[in-house]
Every structure is written in structure tokens, then in C-alpha cells.
Amino acid sequence: SRIGMKHEIDTVKGTIFLKPYLDK
């Protein structure tokens, strides 16, 4: 199964935030 994600990557802090396109 595949879940599409928006991503925000902070290379300074070394963090990645993944938010799904679908709220479920």
C-alpha cells in the first residue's frame, strides 16, 4: 500500500516532517 506525503526537511536541525495528503 502506498501513502503520498508532503515533506519538510530541515538539514540544519536534522529533522524531517511527513504529512499525508489524505487525512486518514
PDB file of all heavy atoms in Angstrom:
ATOM      1  N   SER A   1       0.856  -1.187   0.000  1.00  0.00           N
ATOM      2  CA  SER A   1       0.000   0.000   0.000  1.00  0.00           C
ATOM      3  C   SER A   1       0.896   1.243   0.000  1.00  0.00           C
ATOM      4  O   SER A   1       1.989   1.234   0.583  1.00  0.00           O
ATOM      5  CB  SER A   1      -0.924   0.009   1.218  1.00  0.00           C
ATOM      6  OG  SER A   1      -0.186  -0.021   2.424  1.00  0.00           O
ATOM      7  N   ARG A   2       0.439   2.287  -0.644  1.00  0.00           N
ATOM      8  CA  ARG A   2       1.263   3.476  -0.850  1.00  0.00           C
ATOM      9  C   ARG A   2       0.566   4.690  -0.247  1.00  0.00           C
ATOM     10  O   ARG A   2      -0.632   4.891  -0.464  1.00  0.00           O
ATOM     11  CB  ARG A   2       1.510   3.689  -2.351  1.00  0.00           C
ATOM     12  CG  ARG A   2       2.210   2.506  -3.012  1.00  0.00           C
ATOM     13  CD  ARG A   2       2.032   2.498  -4.521  1.00  0.00           C
ATOM     14  NE  ARG A   2       2.749   3.576  -5.178  1.00  0.00           N
ATOM     15  CZ  ARG A   2       4.003   3.485  -5.629  1.00  0.00           C
ATOM     16  NH1 ARG A   2       4.674   2.348  -5.482  1.00  0.00           N
ATOM     17  NH2 ARG A   2       4.577   4.504  -6.224  1.00  0.00           N
ATOM     18  N   ILE A   3       1.322   5.507   0.474  1.00  0.00           N
ATOM     19  CA  ILE A   3       0.774   6.695   1.130  1.00  0.00           C
ATOM     20  C   ILE A   3       1.583   7.914   0.679  1.00  0.00           C
ATOM     21  O   ILE A   3       2.772   8.036   0.994  1.00  0.00           O
ATOM     22  CB  ILE A   3       0.828   6.582   2.669  1.00  0.00           C
ATOM     23  CG1 ILE A   3       0.172   5.294   3.133  1.00  0.00           C
ATOM     24  CG2 ILE A   3       0.164   7.788   3.312  1.00  0.00           C
ATOM     25  CD1 ILE A   3       0.368   5.001   4.610  1.00  0.00           C
ATOM     26  N   GLY A   4       0.946   8.794  -0.066  1.00  0.00           N
ATOM     27  CA  GLY A   4       1.612  10.001  -0.521  1.00  0.00           C
ATOM     28  C   GLY A   4       1.775  11.010   0.606  1.00  0.00           C
ATOM     29  O   GLY A   4       0.861  11.207   1.412  1.00  0.00           O
ATOM     30  N   MET A   5       2.934  11.655   0.652  1.00  0.00           N
ATOM     31  CA  MET A   5       3.262  12.561   1.740  1.00  0.00           C
ATOM     32  C   MET A   5       3.848  13.881   1.228  1.00  0.00           C
ATOM     33  O   MET A   5       4.585  13.898   0.248  1.00  0.00           O
ATOM     34  CB  MET A   5       4.297  11.906   2.674  1.00  0.00           C
ATOM     35  CG  MET A   5       3.802  10.700   3.439  1.00  0.00           C
ATOM     36  SD  MET A   5       2.861  11.221   4.886  1.00  0.00           S
ATOM     37  CE  MET A   5       2.443   9.643   5.627  1.00  0.00           C
ATOM     38  N   LYS A   6       3.500  14.958   1.920  1.00  0.00           N
ATOM     39  CA  LYS A   6       4.236  16.211   1.766  1.00  0.00           C
ATOM     40  C   LYS A   6       5.408  16.144   2.741  1.00  0.00           C
ATOM     41  O   LYS A   6       5.281  15.555   3.813  1.00  0.00           O
ATOM     42  CB  LYS A   6       3.352  17.409   2.122  1.00  0.00           C
ATOM     43  CG  LYS A   6       2.042  17.474   1.380  1.00  0.00           C
ATOM     44  CD  LYS A   6       1.180  18.595   1.943  1.00  0.00           C
ATOM     45  CE  LYS A   6      -0.218  18.575   1.347  1.00  0.00           C
ATOM     46  NZ  LYS A   6      -1.084  19.618   1.955  1.00  0.00           N
ATOM     47  N   HIS A   7       6.533  16.726   2.369  1.00  0.00           N
ATOM     48  CA  HIS A   7       7.644  16.680   3.310  1.00  0.00           C
ATOM     49  C   HIS A   7       8.246  18.061   3.549  1.00  0.00           C
ATOM     50  O   HIS A   7       8.222  18.929   2.672  1.00  0.00           O
ATOM     51  CB  HIS A   7       8.734  15.697   2.851  1.00  0.00           C
ATOM     52  CG  HIS A   7       9.434  16.098   1.586  1.00  0.00           C
ATOM     53  ND1 HIS A   7       9.612  15.234   0.525  1.00  0.00           N
ATOM     54  CD2 HIS A   7      10.030  17.248   1.193  1.00  0.00           C
ATOM     55  CE1 HIS A   7      10.270  15.827  -0.429  1.00  0.00           C
ATOM     56  NE2 HIS A   7      10.538  17.061  -0.057  1.00  0.00           N
ATOM     57  N   GLU A   8       8.749  18.244   4.749  1.00  0.00           N
ATOM     58  CA  GLU A   8       9.516  19.426   5.126  1.00  0.00           C
ATOM     59  C   GLU A   8      10.816  18.934   5.752  1.00  0.00           C
ATOM     60  O   GLU A   8      10.791  18.227   6.767  1.00  0.00           O
ATOM     61  CB  GLU A   8       8.738  20.297   6.118  1.00  0.00           C
ATOM     62  CG  GLU A   8       7.462  20.902   5.546  1.00  0.00           C
ATOM     63  CD  GLU A   8       6.688  21.707   6.580  1.00  0.00           C
ATOM     64  OE1 GLU A   8       7.261  21.938   7.677  1.00  0.00           O
ATOM     65  OE2 GLU A   8       5.536  22.072   6.303  1.00  0.00           O
ATOM     66  N   ILE A   9      11.916  19.291   5.148  1.00  0.00           N
ATOM     67  CA  ILE A   9      13.218  18.802   5.595  1.00  0.00           C
ATOM     68  C   ILE A   9      14.052  19.973   6.104  1.00  0.00           C
ATOM     69  O   ILE A   9      14.228  20.977   5.398  1.00  0.00           O
ATOM     70  CB  ILE A   9      13.955  18.080   4.454  1.00  0.00           C
ATOM     71  CG1 ILE A   9      13.123  16.893   3.954  1.00  0.00           C
ATOM     72  CG2 ILE A   9      15.338  17.614   4.918  1.00  0.00           C
ATOM     73  CD1 ILE A   9      13.666  16.243   2.710  1.00  0.00           C
ATOM     74  N   ASP A  10      14.546  19.865   7.308  1.00  0.00           N
ATOM     75  CA  ASP A  10      15.424  20.877   7.903  1.00  0.00           C
ATOM     76  C   ASP A  10      16.807  20.241   8.047  1.00  0.00           C
ATOM     77  O   ASP A  10      17.057  19.446   8.961  1.00  0.00           O
ATOM     78  CB  ASP A  10      14.893  21.323   9.267  1.00  0.00           C
ATOM     79  CG  ASP A  10      15.630  22.545   9.813  1.00  0.00           C
ATOM     80  OD1 ASP A  10      16.838  22.679   9.538  1.00  0.00           O
ATOM     81  OD2 ASP A  10      15.000  23.351  10.527  1.00  0.00           O
ATOM     82  N   THR A  11      17.694  20.590   7.130  1.00  0.00           N
ATOM     83  CA  THR A  11      19.020  19.967   7.143  1.00  0.00           C
ATOM     84  C   THR A  11      19.897  20.493   8.281  1.00  0.00           C
ATOM     85  O   THR A  11      20.868  19.836   8.655  1.00  0.00           O
ATOM     86  CB  THR A  11      19.722  20.217   5.800  1.00  0.00           C
ATOM     87  OG1 THR A  11      19.793  21.631   5.550  1.00  0.00           O
ATOM     88  CG2 THR A  11      18.965  19.555   4.659  1.00  0.00           C
ATOM     89  N   VAL A  12      19.565  21.674   8.815  1.00  0.00           N
ATOM     90  CA  VAL A  12      20.345  22.236   9.925  1.00  0.00           C
ATOM     91  C   VAL A  12      20.020  21.495  11.220  1.00  0.00           C
ATOM     92  O   VAL A  12      20.916  21.057  11.960  1.00  0.00           O
ATOM     93  CB  VAL A  12      20.082  23.747  10.081  1.00  0.00           C
ATOM     94  CG1 VAL A  12      20.840  24.302  11.297  1.00  0.00           C
ATOM     95  CG2 VAL A  12      20.495  24.497   8.813  1.00  0.00           C
ATOM     96  N   LYS A  13      18.727  21.338  11.492  1.00  0.00           N
ATOM     97  CA  LYS A  13      18.307  20.641  12.713  1.00  0.00           C
ATOM     98  C   LYS A  13      18.319  19.125  12.552  1.00  0.00           C
ATOM     99  O   LYS A  13      18.246  18.388  13.539  1.00  0.00           O
ATOM    100  CB  LYS A  13      16.902  21.095  13.109  1.00  0.00           C
ATOM    101  CG  LYS A  13      16.811  22.566  13.492  1.00  0.00           C
ATOM    102  CD  LYS A  13      15.387  22.921  13.877  1.00  0.00           C
ATOM    103  CE  LYS A  13      15.277  24.383  14.291  1.00  0.00           C
ATOM    104  NZ  LYS A  13      13.887  24.752  14.658  1.00  0.00           N
ATOM    105  N   GLY A  14      18.385  18.671  11.293  1.00  0.00           N
ATOM    106  CA  GLY A  14      18.358  17.230  11.056  1.00  0.00           C
ATOM    107  C   GLY A  14      17.008  16.624  11.318  1.00  0.00           C
ATOM    108  O   GLY A  14      16.898  15.577  11.977  1.00  0.00           O
ATOM    109  N   THR A  15      15.944  17.279  10.810  1.00  0.00           N
ATOM    110  CA  THR A  15      14.590  16.773  11.026  1.00  0.00           C
ATOM    111  C   THR A  15      13.857  16.663   9.694  1.00  0.00           C
ATOM    112  O   THR A  15      14.150  17.387   8.735  1.00  0.00           O
ATOM    113  CB  THR A  15      13.785  17.693  11.959  1.00  0.00           C
ATOM    114  OG1 THR A  15      13.687  19.007  11.364  1.00  0.00           O
ATOM    115  CG2 THR A  15      14.455  17.807  13.312  1.00  0.00           C
ATOM    116  N   ILE A  16      12.909  15.765   9.659  1.00  0.00           N
ATOM    117  CA  ILE A  16      12.022  15.628   8.502  1.00  0.00           C
ATOM    118  C   ILE A  16      10.598  15.430   9.009  1.00  0.00           C
ATOM    119  O   ILE A  16      10.356  14.648   9.936  1.00  0.00           O
ATOM    120  CB  ILE A  16      12.446  14.456   7.584  1.00  0.00           C
ATOM    121  CG1 ILE A  16      11.448  14.319   6.418  1.00  0.00           C
ATOM    122  CG2 ILE A  16      12.576  13.153   8.356  1.00  0.00           C
ATOM    123  CD1 ILE A  16      11.895  13.338   5.346  1.00  0.00           C
ATOM    124  N   PHE A  17       9.673  16.196   8.411  1.00  0.00           N
ATOM    125  CA  PHE A  17       8.255  16.129   8.779  1.00  0.00           C
ATOM    126  C   PHE A  17       7.490  15.588   7.589  1.00  0.00           C
ATOM    127  O   PHE A  17       7.592  16.118   6.470  1.00  0.00           O
ATOM    128  CB  PHE A  17       7.755  17.516   9.169  1.00  0.00           C
ATOM    129  CG  PHE A  17       6.269  17.602   9.361  1.00  0.00           C
ATOM    130  CD1 PHE A  17       5.604  16.711  10.185  1.00  0.00           C
ATOM    131  CD2 PHE A  17       5.530  18.590   8.705  1.00  0.00           C
ATOM    132  CE1 PHE A  17       4.228  16.795  10.354  1.00  0.00           C
ATOM    133  CE2 PHE A  17       4.166  18.680   8.865  1.00  0.00           C
ATOM    134  CZ  PHE A  17       3.507  17.779   9.697  1.00  0.00           C
ATOM    135  N   LEU A  18       6.745  14.519   7.792  1.00  0.00           N
ATOM    136  CA  LEU A  18       5.939  13.899   6.740  1.00  0.00           C
ATOM    137  C   LEU A  18       4.466  14.075   7.067  1.00  0.00           C
ATOM    138  O   LEU A  18       3.999  13.610   8.114  1.00  0.00           O
ATOM    139  CB  LEU A  18       6.268  12.410   6.614  1.00  0.00           C
ATOM    140  CG  LEU A  18       7.722  12.057   6.274  1.00  0.00           C
ATOM    141  CD1 LEU A  18       7.918  10.541   6.332  1.00  0.00           C
ATOM    142  CD2 LEU A  18       8.099  12.585   4.904  1.00  0.00           C
ATOM    143  N   LYS A  19       3.748  14.757   6.171  1.00  0.00           N
ATOM    144  CA  LYS A  19       2.314  14.973   6.368  1.00  0.00           C
ATOM    145  C   LYS A  19       1.556  14.342   5.204  1.00  0.00           C
ATOM    146  O   LYS A  19       1.818  14.658   4.044  1.00  0.00           O
ATOM    147  CB  LYS A  19       1.996  16.466   6.442  1.00  0.00           C
ATOM    148  CG  LYS A  19       0.528  16.751   6.710  1.00  0.00           C
ATOM    149  CD  LYS A  19       0.260  18.244   6.846  1.00  0.00           C
ATOM    150  CE  LYS A  19      -1.216  18.507   7.137  1.00  0.00           C
ATOM    151  NZ  LYS A  19      -1.516  19.948   7.287  1.00  0.00           N
ATOM    152  N   PRO A  20       0.605  13.454   5.473  1.00  0.00           N
ATOM    153  CA  PRO A  20      -0.111  12.767   4.388  1.00  0.00           C
ATOM    154  C   PRO A  20      -1.043  13.703   3.631  1.00  0.00           C
ATOM    155  O   PRO A  20      -1.584  14.658   4.194  1.00  0.00           O
ATOM    156  CB  PRO A  20      -0.894  11.678   5.121  1.00  0.00           C
ATOM    157  CG  PRO A  20      -1.094  12.224   6.497  1.00  0.00           C
ATOM    158  CD  PRO A  20       0.138  13.028   6.799  1.00  0.00           C
ATOM    159  N   TYR A  21      -1.228  13.409   2.355  1.00  0.00           N
ATOM    160  CA  TYR A  21      -2.186  14.171   1.542  1.00  0.00           C
ATOM    161  C   TYR A  21      -3.618  13.856   1.956  1.00  0.00           C
ATOM    162  O   TYR A  21      -4.510  14.698   1.816  1.00  0.00           O
ATOM    163  CB  TYR A  21      -1.991  13.854   0.052  1.00  0.00           C
ATOM    164  CG  TYR A  21      -0.754  14.486  -0.541  1.00  0.00           C
ATOM    165  CD1 TYR A  21       0.409  13.746  -0.731  1.00  0.00           C
ATOM    166  CD2 TYR A  21      -0.736  15.824  -0.891  1.00  0.00           C
ATOM    167  CE1 TYR A  21       1.545  14.322  -1.274  1.00  0.00           C
ATOM    168  CE2 TYR A  21       0.387  16.416  -1.436  1.00  0.00           C
ATOM    169  CZ  TYR A  21       1.527  15.652  -1.623  1.00  0.00           C
ATOM    170  OH  TYR A  21       2.652  16.242  -2.155  1.00  0.00           O
ATOM    171  N   LEU A  22      -3.842  12.648   2.480  1.00  0.00           N
ATOM    172  CA  LEU A  22      -5.171  12.242   2.943  1.00  0.00           C
ATOM    173  C   LEU A  22      -5.198  12.225   4.464  1.00  0.00           C
ATOM    174  O   LEU A  22      -4.283  11.685   5.108  1.00  0.00           O
ATOM    175  CB  LEU A  22      -5.524  10.854   2.399  1.00  0.00           C
ATOM    176  CG  LEU A  22      -5.568  10.731   0.872  1.00  0.00           C
ATOM    177  CD1 LEU A  22      -5.885   9.293   0.473  1.00  0.00           C
ATOM    178  CD2 LEU A  22      -6.596  11.689   0.271  1.00  0.00           C
ATOM    179  N   ASP A  23      -6.223  12.795   5.038  1.00  0.00           N
ATOM    180  CA  ASP A  23      -6.298  12.952   6.495  1.00  0.00           C
ATOM    181  C   ASP A  23      -6.391  11.634   7.257  1.00  0.00           C
ATOM    182  O   ASP A  23      -6.133  11.584   8.461  1.00  0.00           O
ATOM    183  CB  ASP A  23      -7.505  13.831   6.866  1.00  0.00           C
ATOM    184  CG  ASP A  23      -7.342  15.262   6.362  1.00  0.00           C
ATOM    185  OD1 ASP A  23      -6.189  15.689   6.200  1.00  0.00           O
ATOM    186  OD2 ASP A  23      -8.378  15.924   6.145  1.00  0.00           O
ATOM    187  N   LYS A  24      -6.746  10.557   6.603  1.00  0.00           N
ATOM    188  CA  LYS A  24      -6.950   9.291   7.318  1.00  0.00           C
ATOM    189  C   LYS A  24      -5.636   8.639   7.746  1.00  0.00           C
ATOM    190  O   LYS A  24      -5.642   7.659   8.499  1.00  0.00           O
ATOM    191  CB  LYS A  24      -7.761   8.321   6.464  1.00  0.00           C
ATOM    192  CG  LYS A  24      -7.061   7.857   5.192  1.00  0.00           C
ATOM    193  CD  LYS A  24      -7.954   6.873   4.442  1.00  0.00           C
ATOM    194  CE  LYS A  24      -7.285   6.366   3.169  1.00  0.00           C
ATOM    195  NZ  LYS A  24      -8.123   5.375   2.469  1.00  0.00           N
TER     196      LYS A  24
END
